[in-house]
């Protein structure tokens, strides 16, 4: 790949190396320069600019990132579309991320152009949370390097995957001595229930018994018969030896102690055992508190269906010092790991909804309705709905107006219809109706047009991948052949401006006032430019002439 300065008149087809201003326009880095762009830059006084040019040994950054991300992704790991040489992986379910560190290191050692960053192995994640990011540093990577990376990954277990939490019916044994207060038992059971709820599980049955070997054994056997798994045992007194009351009770019940003690503090006095196929955990007293401790790490793996044994326990020492110490000024209840965690704090996939605008009068289509017209055996609006549903945007809302019942029926039952009784006032009123119905907690909204059936889900995913308000990309729109098209993805920071639009003023009137937030996303499909307002236009599409 060539990268360096060239005379501006020799830069056609090059990839712009640095963002530049050209009169009233701002060309962002990564833009493929067209002849018109060159004229604009020259007229603005630019004589020399930095560009990149690829040759046959290079793989463009987005293709390279996508291929590596696809190769590393395993079960419950979703690959987002690549943009600016970055492809992210997100969790499809809550659980524990598994990372093959050896092969991760092997990938990162291949070449400086290729980088892969992941969460730590066994990190707890929520659905939608980022697991990993593949970033190609320059505008292209050597093709041979990407092919070598794929070879390292081919035929091996996934490098990144999520072991999802599955509901468990957990048995709980609480022992007591003469002076044990009921409030202590209640607090302990509540702390366990809270932990399990975060992992999608619950306490199935509880047994409160005297702190004695025989009663512990009977309680474990009883809960096993009742179908509880795993079984958690809280002793009224701390377990200080593998022959103490709780381990001895497990052995007496017919189980075995796999390991006693763990290199995690708090949590040192944990016992790991098994009764046939049922895991049995002697829980350290620190787990009566909701603060993070070694028991949490064991419980998470059990709820994710992962095997855990002595070797796994003894490898928890790295990062296992959780106790407050003088050199750690922030107590755990104030820090990011305050209690049984709900996630690592890694970035999550943006929450994007979709509005399909389908309220117009369809005046140019004659006596029919363009959204109800047949296209390859289905109504035009159904094509649009299917494309949007195939993307990750949720929820999908359909704004209806003219012939609302027919449009809603043609769209299908998967979308939520929002009727705009004032649809005759213009597009802006329908946009306001749709925006007003959006749920809380979103980051952005795709505004899609109901008469554009040739915009595939891949294009929508490209827009979602580009969306990053922190990096100045809060209004994302597709371009093809140098022309801007639809749909547009709007960050909800612009909701007040969108709600103030009137008449037939489209949201695009806001591009100028917010130009610094606009991101043009190159796409391969010309469908972003094609709507079908007349029977003749639709007929041309049907015949392949559109």
Protein backbone atom coordinates (compact mmCIF):
# COMPACT_ATOMS: atom_id res chain seq x y z
CA UNK A 1 0.00 0.00 0.00
CA UNK A 2 1.22 3.46 -0.88
CA UNK A 3 0.66 6.21 1.69
CA UNK A 4 1.97 9.70 1.34
CA UNK A 5 1.51 13.16 -0.16
CA UNK A 6 0.63 13.61 -3.84
CA UNK A 7 -0.39 16.61 -5.97
CA UNK A 8 -4.10 17.06 -5.59
CA UNK A 9 -4.73 16.59 -9.32
CA UNK A 10 -3.13 13.14 -9.10
CA UNK A 11 -5.24 11.98 -6.15
CA UNK A 12 -8.36 10.76 -8.01
CA UNK A 13 -9.39 7.33 -6.70
CA UNK A 14 -7.09 7.61 -3.69
CA UNK A 15 -8.21 7.20 -0.09
CA UNK A 16 -8.02 10.49 1.76
CA UNK A 17 -5.44 10.13 4.54
CA UNK A 18 -6.51 13.06 6.73
CA UNK A 19 -9.73 15.02 7.07
CA UNK A 20 -9.60 18.35 5.23
CA UNK A 21 -11.83 21.35 4.67
CA UNK A 22 -12.73 22.38 1.16
CA UNK A 23 -14.67 25.61 1.18
CA UNK A 24 -17.94 24.92 2.95
CA UNK A 25 -17.42 21.16 2.79
CA UNK A 26 -15.51 18.87 5.11
CA UNK A 27 -13.97 15.74 3.59
CA UNK A 28 -13.30 13.11 6.23
CA UNK A 29 -10.38 10.72 6.18
CA UNK A 30 -11.08 7.45 4.44
CA UNK A 31 -13.11 9.07 1.67
CA UNK A 32 -12.42 7.69 -1.80
CA UNK A 33 -11.79 10.80 -3.84
CA UNK A 34 -13.90 11.28 -6.97
CA UNK A 35 -13.09 13.66 -9.85
CA UNK A 36 -15.64 16.09 -8.44
CA UNK A 37 -13.91 15.93 -5.05
CA UNK A 38 -10.59 16.74 -6.70
CA UNK A 39 -12.11 19.81 -8.38
CA UNK A 40 -13.54 20.97 -5.05
CA UNK A 41 -10.22 20.50 -3.27
CA UNK A 42 -8.30 22.30 -6.01
CA UNK A 43 -10.76 25.20 -6.04
CA UNK A 44 -10.35 25.47 -2.26
CA UNK A 45 -6.62 25.98 -2.74
CA UNK A 46 -5.26 22.53 -1.90
CA UNK A 47 -2.14 21.69 -3.88
CA UNK A 48 -1.04 18.51 -2.13
CA UNK A 49 -2.87 15.96 0.03
CA UNK A 50 -2.08 12.70 1.76
CA UNK A 51 -3.69 9.63 0.25
CA UNK A 52 -3.46 5.86 0.35
CA UNK A 53 -3.51 3.61 -2.72
CA UNK A 54 -3.97 -0.13 -2.50
CA UNK A 55 -2.52 -2.77 -4.78
CA UNK A 56 -3.32 -6.43 -5.39
CA UNK A 57 -1.40 -7.54 -2.28
CA UNK A 58 -3.64 -5.44 -0.01
CA UNK A 59 -7.02 -6.20 1.51
CA UNK A 60 -9.23 -3.15 2.23
CA UNK A 61 -9.60 -2.42 5.92
CA UNK A 62 -13.32 -3.22 6.24
CA UNK A 63 -13.03 -6.51 4.37
CA UNK A 64 -10.03 -7.52 6.46
CA UNK A 65 -11.73 -6.64 9.75
CA UNK A 66 -14.90 -8.46 8.74
CA UNK A 67 -13.08 -11.63 7.73
CA UNK A 68 -11.07 -11.86 10.93
CA UNK A 69 -14.07 -11.02 13.13
CA UNK A 70 -16.14 -13.69 11.39
CA UNK A 71 -13.35 -16.22 11.87
CA UNK A 72 -12.96 -15.62 15.62
CA UNK A 73 -16.68 -15.53 16.45
CA UNK A 74 -18.23 -18.55 18.13
CA UNK A 75 -21.63 -19.36 19.67
CA UNK A 76 -23.57 -16.41 21.07
CA UNK A 77 -21.09 -13.93 19.54
CA UNK A 78 -22.57 -11.66 16.87
CA UNK A 79 -20.35 -9.87 14.35
CA UNK A 80 -21.40 -6.33 13.52
CA UNK A 81 -20.74 -4.79 10.14
CA UNK A 82 -17.25 -3.37 9.68
CA UNK A 83 -16.65 0.36 9.43
CA UNK A 84 -13.40 2.39 9.39
CA UNK A 85 -11.48 -0.86 9.60
CA UNK A 86 -13.21 -1.97 12.79
CA UNK A 87 -15.54 -4.92 13.32
CA UNK A 88 -17.02 -5.51 16.77
CA UNK A 89 -18.36 -8.70 18.32
CA UNK A 90 -21.32 -8.49 20.70
CA UNK A 91 -22.87 -11.00 23.08
CA UNK A 92 -26.19 -12.44 21.98
CA UNK A 93 -26.92 -13.69 25.51
CA UNK A 94 -25.92 -13.03 29.11
CA UNK A 95 -23.22 -15.38 30.29
CA UNK A 96 -19.46 -15.82 30.56
CA UNK A 97 -17.17 -14.94 27.67
CA UNK A 98 -14.59 -17.59 26.76
CA UNK A 99 -11.40 -16.46 25.07
CA UNK A 100 -8.58 -18.64 23.73
CA UNK A 101 -5.70 -16.47 24.93
CA UNK A 102 -2.96 -18.44 23.17
CA UNK A 103 -4.49 -18.01 19.72
CA UNK A 104 -5.42 -14.41 20.50
CA UNK A 105 -1.76 -13.70 21.16
CA UNK A 106 -0.81 -15.56 17.97
CA UNK A 107 -3.11 -13.32 15.91
CA UNK A 108 -1.79 -10.11 17.42
CA UNK A 109 1.79 -11.19 16.77
CA UNK A 110 1.20 -11.74 13.04
CA UNK A 111 1.54 -8.16 11.83
CA UNK A 112 1.19 -4.63 13.16
CA UNK A 113 -1.73 -3.95 10.79
CA UNK A 114 -3.97 -6.49 12.54
CA UNK A 115 -5.14 -6.04 16.13
CA UNK A 116 -7.72 -8.01 18.11
CA UNK A 117 -8.81 -6.89 21.59
CA UNK A 118 -11.07 -9.06 23.77
CA UNK A 119 -12.53 -9.13 27.24
CA UNK A 120 -10.76 -11.37 29.72
CA UNK A 121 -11.58 -15.06 29.75
CA UNK A 122 -14.59 -15.83 31.99
CA UNK A 123 -15.69 -12.18 32.10
CA UNK A 124 -19.39 -11.88 32.86
CA UNK A 125 -21.34 -10.16 30.07
CA UNK A 126 -24.85 -9.02 29.35
CA UNK A 127 -26.66 -9.46 26.04
CA UNK A 128 -25.58 -6.69 23.67
CA UNK A 129 -22.26 -6.09 25.42
CA UNK A 130 -19.09 -5.87 23.36
CA UNK A 131 -16.91 -8.96 23.54
CA UNK A 132 -14.10 -8.09 21.16
CA UNK A 133 -13.05 -5.64 18.51
CA UNK A 134 -10.95 -6.27 15.41
CA UNK A 135 -9.19 -3.16 14.18
CA UNK A 136 -7.09 -2.83 11.04
CA UNK A 137 -4.66 -0.01 11.81
CA UNK A 138 -3.86 1.36 8.30
CA UNK A 139 -6.31 1.61 5.40
CA UNK A 140 -5.49 -1.94 4.35
CA UNK A 141 -3.81 -5.07 5.65
CA UNK A 142 -1.56 -7.40 3.69
CA UNK A 143 -3.82 -10.02 2.14
CA UNK A 144 -1.37 -12.76 3.10
CA UNK A 145 -1.60 -11.75 6.78
CA UNK A 146 -5.39 -12.01 6.84
CA UNK A 147 -5.25 -15.37 5.12
CA UNK A 148 -2.67 -16.52 7.68
CA UNK A 149 -4.95 -15.38 10.49
CA UNK A 150 -7.82 -17.36 9.03
CA UNK A 151 -5.57 -20.40 8.80
CA UNK A 152 -4.71 -20.13 12.51
CA UNK A 153 -8.42 -20.09 13.34
CA UNK A 154 -9.64 -22.68 10.84
CA UNK A 155 -10.74 -26.04 12.24
CA UNK A 156 -10.22 -24.99 15.87
CA UNK A 157 -12.69 -24.22 18.68
CA UNK A 158 -13.94 -20.61 18.53
CA UNK A 159 -11.55 -17.97 19.80
CA UNK A 160 -14.39 -15.92 21.31
CA UNK A 161 -17.71 -17.30 22.45
CA UNK A 162 -20.27 -16.90 25.23
CA UNK A 163 -21.33 -19.67 27.57
CA UNK A 164 -24.89 -18.47 28.27
CA UNK A 165 -26.50 -18.59 31.66
CA UNK A 166 -29.33 -21.10 31.81
CA UNK A 167 -32.00 -21.18 34.52
CA UNK A 168 -31.07 -23.37 37.47
CA UNK A 169 -33.20 -24.61 40.33
CA UNK A 170 -30.68 -24.31 43.14
CA UNK A 171 -30.77 -26.12 46.47
CA UNK A 172 -29.73 -24.18 49.58
CA UNK A 173 -28.65 -25.67 52.92
CA UNK A 174 -28.32 -23.31 55.89
CA UNK A 175 -26.94 -24.72 59.12
CA UNK A 176 -27.46 -23.21 62.55
CA UNK A 177 -26.08 -23.49 66.05
CA UNK A 178 -27.78 -22.59 69.30
CA UNK A 179 -27.17 -18.85 69.05
CA UNK A 180 -27.79 -18.42 65.30
CA UNK A 181 -30.29 -15.63 64.78
CA UNK A 182 -33.16 -16.03 62.32
CA UNK A 183 -32.19 -12.66 60.84
CA UNK A 184 -28.78 -14.06 59.85
CA UNK A 185 -30.42 -16.95 58.02
CA UNK A 186 -32.85 -14.60 56.29
CA UNK A 187 -30.04 -12.27 55.22
CA UNK A 188 -28.04 -15.21 53.85
CA UNK A 189 -30.96 -16.56 51.84
CA UNK A 190 -31.70 -13.09 50.45
CA UNK A 191 -28.07 -12.62 49.38
CA UNK A 192 -28.11 -15.98 47.57
CA UNK A 193 -31.43 -15.20 45.88
CA UNK A 194 -30.07 -11.85 44.68
CA UNK A 195 -26.97 -13.48 43.22
CA UNK A 196 -28.96 -16.16 41.45
CA UNK A 197 -31.45 -13.65 40.01
CA UNK A 198 -28.57 -11.84 38.30
CA UNK A 199 -27.63 -15.14 36.68
CA UNK A 200 -31.17 -16.05 35.62
CA UNK A 201 -31.61 -18.72 38.30
CA UNK A 202 -33.50 -19.10 41.58
CA UNK A 203 -33.56 -20.98 44.86
CA UNK A 204 -35.64 -24.09 44.33
CA UNK A 205 -35.77 -25.39 47.91
CA UNK A 206 -34.11 -24.46 51.20
CA UNK A 207 -33.23 -26.68 54.16
CA UNK A 208 -32.33 -25.20 57.56
CA UNK A 209 -30.64 -27.84 59.72
CA UNK A 210 -28.42 -28.12 62.81
CA UNK A 211 -24.71 -27.71 62.18
CA UNK A 212 -23.84 -31.38 62.28
CA UNK A 213 -22.40 -33.89 59.84
CA UNK A 214 -25.48 -36.13 59.80
CA UNK A 215 -28.01 -33.33 59.27
CA UNK A 216 -25.92 -31.75 56.51
CA UNK A 217 -25.70 -35.14 54.79
CA UNK A 218 -29.44 -35.65 55.01
CA UNK A 219 -30.17 -32.15 53.65
CA UNK A 220 -27.82 -32.63 50.66
CA UNK A 221 -29.38 -36.01 49.83
CA UNK A 222 -32.89 -34.56 50.17
CA UNK A 223 -32.18 -31.63 47.82
CA UNK A 224 -30.51 -33.91 45.30
CA UNK A 225 -33.62 -36.13 45.30
CA UNK A 226 -35.73 -33.01 44.81
CA UNK A 227 -33.84 -32.27 41.57
CA UNK A 228 -31.91 -29.23 42.78
CA UNK A 229 -28.57 -28.46 41.14
CA UNK A 230 -26.21 -27.07 42.16
CA UNK A 231 -26.51 -27.39 45.94
CA UNK A 232 -25.06 -24.61 48.08
CA UNK A 233 -24.21 -25.18 51.75
CA UNK A 234 -23.72 -22.29 54.20
CA UNK A 235 -22.25 -23.47 57.49
CA UNK A 236 -23.03 -21.65 60.72
CA UNK A 237 -19.32 -22.00 61.51
CA UNK A 238 -16.52 -21.44 59.05
CA UNK A 239 -15.14 -24.54 57.33
CA UNK A 240 -11.46 -24.71 58.26
CA UNK A 241 -10.51 -28.17 57.05
CA UNK A 242 -11.62 -30.66 54.38
CA UNK A 243 -12.75 -32.94 57.22
CA UNK A 244 -14.88 -30.25 58.90
CA UNK A 245 -18.68 -30.53 59.23
CA UNK A 246 -19.73 -29.42 55.72
CA UNK A 247 -17.18 -31.49 53.74
CA UNK A 248 -17.76 -34.46 56.03
CA UNK A 249 -21.51 -34.14 55.54
CA UNK A 250 -21.08 -34.25 51.77
CA UNK A 251 -18.92 -37.37 52.01
CA UNK A 252 -21.42 -39.01 54.35
CA UNK A 253 -24.21 -38.31 51.84
CA UNK A 254 -22.25 -40.24 49.18
CA UNK A 255 -20.54 -37.29 47.51
CA UNK A 256 -16.89 -36.31 47.27
CA UNK A 257 -14.82 -33.26 48.04
CA UNK A 258 -13.01 -32.17 44.89
CA UNK A 259 -11.11 -29.27 46.39
CA UNK A 260 -11.00 -27.17 49.55
CA UNK A 261 -9.72 -23.61 49.57
CA UNK A 262 -9.18 -21.13 46.75
CA UNK A 263 -6.60 -18.41 45.95
CA UNK A 264 -9.22 -15.65 46.01
CA UNK A 265 -9.66 -13.26 48.92
CA UNK A 266 -12.37 -12.89 50.09
CA UNK A 267 -13.48 -16.44 49.39
CA UNK A 268 -10.52 -18.52 50.57
CA UNK A 269 -12.60 -21.04 52.54
CA UNK A 270 -14.72 -22.36 49.64
CA UNK A 271 -15.28 -26.08 49.24
CA UNK A 272 -15.97 -27.57 45.81
CA UNK A 273 -17.60 -30.99 45.73
CA UNK A 274 -19.92 -33.24 43.78
CA UNK A 275 -22.63 -35.77 44.52
CA UNK A 276 -22.75 -37.91 41.39
CA UNK A 277 -23.51 -35.30 38.68
CA UNK A 278 -24.70 -32.56 41.06
CA UNK A 279 -22.16 -29.85 42.02
CA UNK A 280 -22.06 -29.11 45.75
CA UNK A 281 -20.42 -25.93 47.04
CA UNK A 282 -19.49 -25.21 50.62
CA UNK A 283 -19.95 -21.45 50.57
CA UNK A 284 -17.55 -19.19 52.50
CA UNK A 285 -19.10 -16.89 55.08
CA UNK A 286 -18.10 -13.77 53.12
CA UNK A 287 -20.85 -14.62 50.63
CA UNK A 288 -23.48 -13.57 53.17
CA UNK A 289 -22.58 -10.09 51.91
CA UNK A 290 -23.44 -9.01 48.35
CA UNK A 291 -19.84 -7.90 47.80
CA UNK A 292 -17.82 -9.69 45.13
CA UNK A 293 -15.92 -12.73 46.36
CA UNK A 294 -14.52 -16.00 45.02
CA UNK A 295 -17.86 -17.78 45.38
CA UNK A 296 -19.29 -15.48 42.68
CA UNK A 297 -16.76 -16.75 40.15
CA UNK A 298 -17.61 -20.36 40.93
CA UNK A 299 -21.37 -19.76 40.88
CA UNK A 300 -21.17 -17.94 37.53
CA UNK A 301 -19.43 -20.89 35.90
CA UNK A 302 -21.93 -23.35 37.31
CA UNK A 303 -24.88 -21.27 36.06
CA UNK A 304 -23.22 -21.08 32.63
CA UNK A 305 -22.96 -24.85 32.47
CA UNK A 306 -19.15 -24.87 32.58
CA UNK A 307 -17.17 -27.63 34.22
CA UNK A 308 -15.10 -26.50 37.19
CA UNK A 309 -12.53 -28.52 39.08
CA UNK A 310 -9.41 -28.18 41.20
CA UNK A 311 -7.29 -26.92 38.32
CA UNK A 312 -9.84 -24.18 37.51
CA UNK A 313 -10.03 -23.07 41.14
CA UNK A 314 -6.27 -22.83 41.55
CA UNK A 315 -5.92 -20.72 38.38
CA UNK A 316 -8.10 -17.97 39.87
CA UNK A 317 -5.23 -16.42 41.81
CA UNK A 318 -4.36 -13.94 39.09
CA UNK A 319 -6.72 -11.07 39.85
CA UNK A 320 -8.00 -12.91 42.90
CA UNK A 321 -7.05 -10.25 45.46
CA UNK A 322 -10.43 -8.59 45.95
CA UNK A 323 -10.13 -7.54 49.59
CA UNK A 324 -9.88 -3.86 50.50
CA UNK A 325 -6.36 -2.96 51.48
CA UNK A 326 -4.82 0.41 52.49
CA UNK A 327 -3.31 0.91 49.04
CA UNK A 328 -6.75 0.48 47.44
CA UNK A 329 -8.62 3.62 48.54
CA UNK A 330 -11.95 2.84 46.89
CA UNK A 331 -14.02 0.25 48.76
CA UNK A 332 -15.66 -2.38 46.65
CA UNK A 333 -19.17 -1.13 47.26
CA UNK A 334 -18.18 2.10 45.47
CA UNK A 335 -16.10 0.56 42.70
CA UNK A 336 -16.99 -1.11 39.43
CA UNK A 337 -16.89 -4.59 40.99
CA UNK A 338 -19.14 -3.77 43.93
CA UNK A 339 -21.23 -6.91 44.15
CA UNK A 340 -22.23 -9.94 42.17
CA UNK A 341 -21.54 -8.22 38.85
CA UNK A 342 -23.93 -7.68 35.99
CA UNK A 343 -21.24 -7.08 33.39
CA UNK A 344 -17.69 -5.93 32.89
CA UNK A 345 -18.48 -2.35 31.91
CA UNK A 346 -17.31 -2.97 28.35
CA UNK A 347 -19.11 -1.00 25.63
CA UNK A 348 -22.40 -2.42 24.43
CA UNK A 349 -24.00 -2.54 21.02
CA UNK A 350 -25.94 0.69 20.39
CA UNK A 351 -29.66 0.35 20.93
CA UNK A 352 -31.19 1.38 17.63
CA UNK A 353 -34.89 1.39 16.74
CA UNK A 354 -36.38 1.68 13.25
CA UNK A 355 -39.24 3.84 12.01
CA UNK A 356 -40.80 2.86 8.68
CA UNK A 357 -42.59 5.87 7.24
CA UNK A 358 -45.75 4.59 5.52
CA UNK A 359 -48.34 7.31 6.04
CA UNK A 360 -48.19 9.29 2.77
CA UNK A 361 -51.05 9.95 0.38
CA UNK A 362 -49.35 8.22 -2.58
CA UNK A 363 -50.76 10.85 -4.95
CA UNK A 364 -48.32 10.17 -7.82
CA UNK A 365 -49.29 6.50 -8.00
CA UNK A 366 -52.70 7.21 -9.48
CA UNK A 367 -55.72 5.31 -8.14
CA UNK A 368 -53.62 2.71 -6.35
CA UNK A 369 -51.34 2.87 -3.33
CA UNK A 370 -47.63 2.47 -4.04
CA UNK A 371 -46.97 0.64 -0.76
CA UNK A 372 -49.65 -1.96 -1.58
CA UNK A 373 -48.51 -2.53 -5.17
CA UNK A 374 -47.22 -5.99 -6.03
CA UNK A 375 -43.47 -6.49 -6.27
CA UNK A 376 -42.32 -10.03 -6.91
CA UNK A 377 -45.41 -11.49 -5.32
CA UNK A 378 -45.47 -9.32 -2.18
CA UNK A 379 -46.54 -5.73 -1.44
CA UNK A 380 -43.81 -3.12 -1.63
CA UNK A 381 -44.18 -2.33 2.08
CA UNK A 382 -43.67 -6.00 2.98
CA UNK A 383 -40.28 -5.98 1.25
CA UNK A 384 -39.27 -2.98 3.33
CA UNK A 385 -40.48 -4.59 6.56
CA UNK A 386 -38.63 -7.84 5.87
CA UNK A 387 -35.39 -6.00 5.19
CA UNK A 388 -35.66 -4.01 8.41
CA UNK A 389 -36.59 -7.07 10.46
CA UNK A 390 -33.51 -8.85 9.12
CA UNK A 391 -31.36 -6.16 10.74
CA UNK A 392 -30.56 -5.76 14.43
CA UNK A 393 -32.74 -2.65 14.80
CA UNK A 394 -35.42 -3.11 17.44
CA UNK A 395 -38.17 -2.24 17.96
CA UNK A 396 -39.52 -1.71 14.46
CA UNK A 397 -42.37 0.79 14.28
CA UNK A 398 -44.59 1.41 11.26
CA UNK A 399 -46.15 4.88 10.94
CA UNK A 400 -49.45 4.67 9.05
CA UNK A 401 -51.84 7.29 7.71
CA UNK A 402 -53.51 6.98 4.30
CA UNK A 403 -55.29 3.59 3.96
CA UNK A 404 -53.88 2.68 7.35
CA UNK A 405 -55.66 -0.67 7.79
CA UNK A 406 -54.57 -1.98 4.40
CA UNK A 407 -50.98 -0.81 4.88
CA UNK A 408 -50.80 -2.33 8.35
CA UNK A 409 -52.13 -5.66 7.10
CA UNK A 410 -49.73 -5.71 4.14
CA UNK A 411 -46.77 -4.89 6.40
CA UNK A 412 -47.33 -7.94 8.58
CA UNK A 413 -47.82 -8.62 12.28
CA UNK A 414 -44.17 -8.35 13.37
CA UNK A 415 -44.11 -4.54 13.50
CA UNK A 416 -45.87 -2.14 15.82
CA UNK A 417 -48.18 0.19 13.92
CA UNK A 418 -48.45 3.82 14.99
CA UNK A 419 -51.30 5.67 13.31
CA UNK A 420 -50.92 9.37 12.50
CA UNK A 421 -54.40 10.88 12.09
CA UNK A 422 -52.79 14.13 10.89
CA UNK A 423 -50.89 12.44 8.04
CA UNK A 424 -52.34 14.89 5.47
CA UNK A 425 -50.37 17.71 7.13
CA UNK A 426 -47.15 16.33 5.69
CA UNK A 427 -44.16 14.12 6.40
CA UNK A 428 -43.10 15.99 9.52
CA UNK A 429 -46.31 15.13 11.39
CA UNK A 430 -45.79 11.43 10.68
CA UNK A 431 -42.19 11.66 11.82
CA UNK A 432 -43.30 13.27 15.09
CA UNK A 433 -45.91 10.55 15.62
CA UNK A 434 -43.32 7.82 15.19
CA UNK A 435 -40.68 9.49 17.34
CA UNK A 436 -43.19 10.08 20.13
CA UNK A 437 -43.86 6.33 20.29
CA UNK A 438 -40.22 5.31 20.73
CA UNK A 439 -39.43 3.57 24.01
CA UNK A 440 -36.92 4.95 26.50
CA UNK A 441 -33.32 3.81 26.60
CA UNK A 442 -32.50 4.05 22.90
CA UNK A 443 -29.35 5.53 21.40
CA UNK A 444 -30.68 6.21 17.92
CA UNK A 445 -33.36 5.59 15.34
CA UNK A 446 -33.25 4.56 11.68
CA UNK A 447 -35.78 6.54 9.66
CA UNK A 448 -36.71 4.28 6.73
CA UNK A 449 -39.03 5.04 3.82
CA UNK A 450 -41.83 2.61 3.04
CA UNK A 451 -41.41 2.97 -0.73
CA UNK A 452 -37.75 1.87 -0.83
CA UNK A 453 -37.84 -1.95 -0.97
CA UNK A 454 -34.28 -2.40 -2.26
CA UNK A 455 -32.37 -1.39 0.87
CA UNK A 456 -31.00 -4.66 2.30
CA UNK A 457 -30.37 -5.42 5.96
CA UNK A 458 -26.62 -5.29 5.28
CA UNK A 459 -26.93 -1.59 4.49
CA UNK A 460 -28.78 -0.96 7.74
CA UNK A 461 -26.07 -2.85 9.63
CA UNK A 462 -23.40 -0.69 7.99
CA UNK A 463 -25.16 2.42 9.28
CA UNK A 464 -25.43 0.94 12.78
CA UNK A 465 -21.75 -0.03 12.72
CA UNK A 466 -20.80 3.52 11.71
CA UNK A 467 -22.89 5.12 14.46
CA UNK A 468 -20.65 6.42 17.24
CA UNK A 469 -21.56 9.81 18.72
CA UNK A 470 -18.41 9.81 20.86
CA UNK A 471 -16.38 9.87 17.65
CA UNK A 472 -18.60 12.48 15.99
CA UNK A 473 -20.74 10.06 13.95
CA UNK A 474 -24.26 10.70 15.24
CA UNK A 475 -26.06 11.18 11.90
CA UNK A 476 -25.25 8.32 9.54
CA UNK A 477 -26.49 8.13 5.97
CA UNK A 478 -25.55 5.90 3.05
CA UNK A 479 -23.90 7.06 -0.16
CA UNK A 480 -23.57 5.24 -3.46
CA UNK A 481 -21.74 6.59 -6.46
CA UNK A 482 -21.16 9.83 -4.60
CA UNK A 483 -24.92 10.35 -4.02
CA UNK A 484 -26.63 10.44 -0.66
CA UNK A 485 -29.55 8.09 -0.11
CA UNK A 486 -31.88 6.67 2.52
CA UNK A 487 -32.40 5.64 5.29
CA UNK A 488 -30.74 7.89 7.86
CA UNK A 489 -29.72 6.91 11.36
CA UNK A 490 -30.22 9.70 13.86
CA UNK A 491 -28.77 9.88 17.35
CA UNK A 492 -31.50 10.69 19.83
CA UNK A 493 -29.61 13.82 20.84
CA UNK A 494 -31.33 15.35 17.78
CA UNK A 495 -34.83 14.34 18.88
CA UNK A 496 -35.84 17.91 19.88
CA UNK A 497 -34.83 19.20 16.43
CA UNK A 498 -36.65 16.38 14.65
CA UNK A 499 -39.80 17.01 16.68
CA UNK A 500 -39.82 20.67 15.63
CA UNK A 501 -40.04 19.95 11.90
CA UNK A 502 -43.23 21.11 10.19
CA UNK A 503 -45.14 20.38 6.97
CA UNK A 504 -43.28 18.37 4.36
CA UNK A 505 -39.87 19.37 5.72
CA UNK A 506 -37.85 16.20 5.85
CA UNK A 507 -35.25 15.41 8.47
CA UNK A 508 -32.55 16.05 5.87
CA UNK A 509 -33.07 19.77 6.34
CA UNK A 510 -31.10 19.30 9.57
CA UNK A 511 -27.95 18.05 7.86
CA UNK A 512 -26.60 21.55 7.33
CA UNK A 513 -27.00 22.83 10.89
CA UNK A 514 -25.42 19.63 12.22
CA UNK A 515 -22.83 18.99 9.50
CA UNK A 516 -20.10 18.16 12.02
CA UNK A 517 -22.12 15.11 13.15
CA UNK A 518 -22.87 13.78 9.65
CA UNK A 519 -21.14 10.58 8.55
CA UNK A 520 -21.45 9.38 4.96
CA UNK A 521 -21.31 5.59 4.82
CA UNK A 522 -20.33 4.08 1.43
CA UNK A 523 -22.52 1.12 0.44
CA UNK A 524 -22.61 -1.16 -2.58
CA UNK A 525 -26.34 -1.11 -3.25
CA UNK A 526 -28.01 1.49 -5.49
CA UNK A 527 -31.25 0.68 -3.68
CA UNK A 528 -30.59 3.54 -1.28
CA UNK A 529 -31.34 5.94 -4.16
CA UNK A 530 -34.48 4.28 -5.54
CA UNK A 531 -38.04 4.90 -4.44
CA UNK A 532 -41.06 4.01 -6.54
CA UNK A 533 -43.55 6.85 -6.58
CA UNK A 534 -45.29 6.00 -9.87
CA UNK A 535 -46.54 2.84 -11.62
CA UNK A 536 -43.99 3.48 -14.38
CA UNK A 537 -41.11 3.57 -11.92
CA UNK A 538 -42.25 0.34 -10.32
CA UNK A 539 -42.71 -1.30 -13.72
CA UNK A 540 -39.15 -0.32 -14.63
CA UNK A 541 -37.97 -1.92 -11.39
CA UNK A 542 -39.93 -5.08 -12.22
CA UNK A 543 -38.33 -5.26 -15.65
CA UNK A 544 -34.85 -4.62 -14.28
CA UNK A 545 -34.49 -1.22 -15.94
CA UNK A 546 -34.67 0.88 -12.77
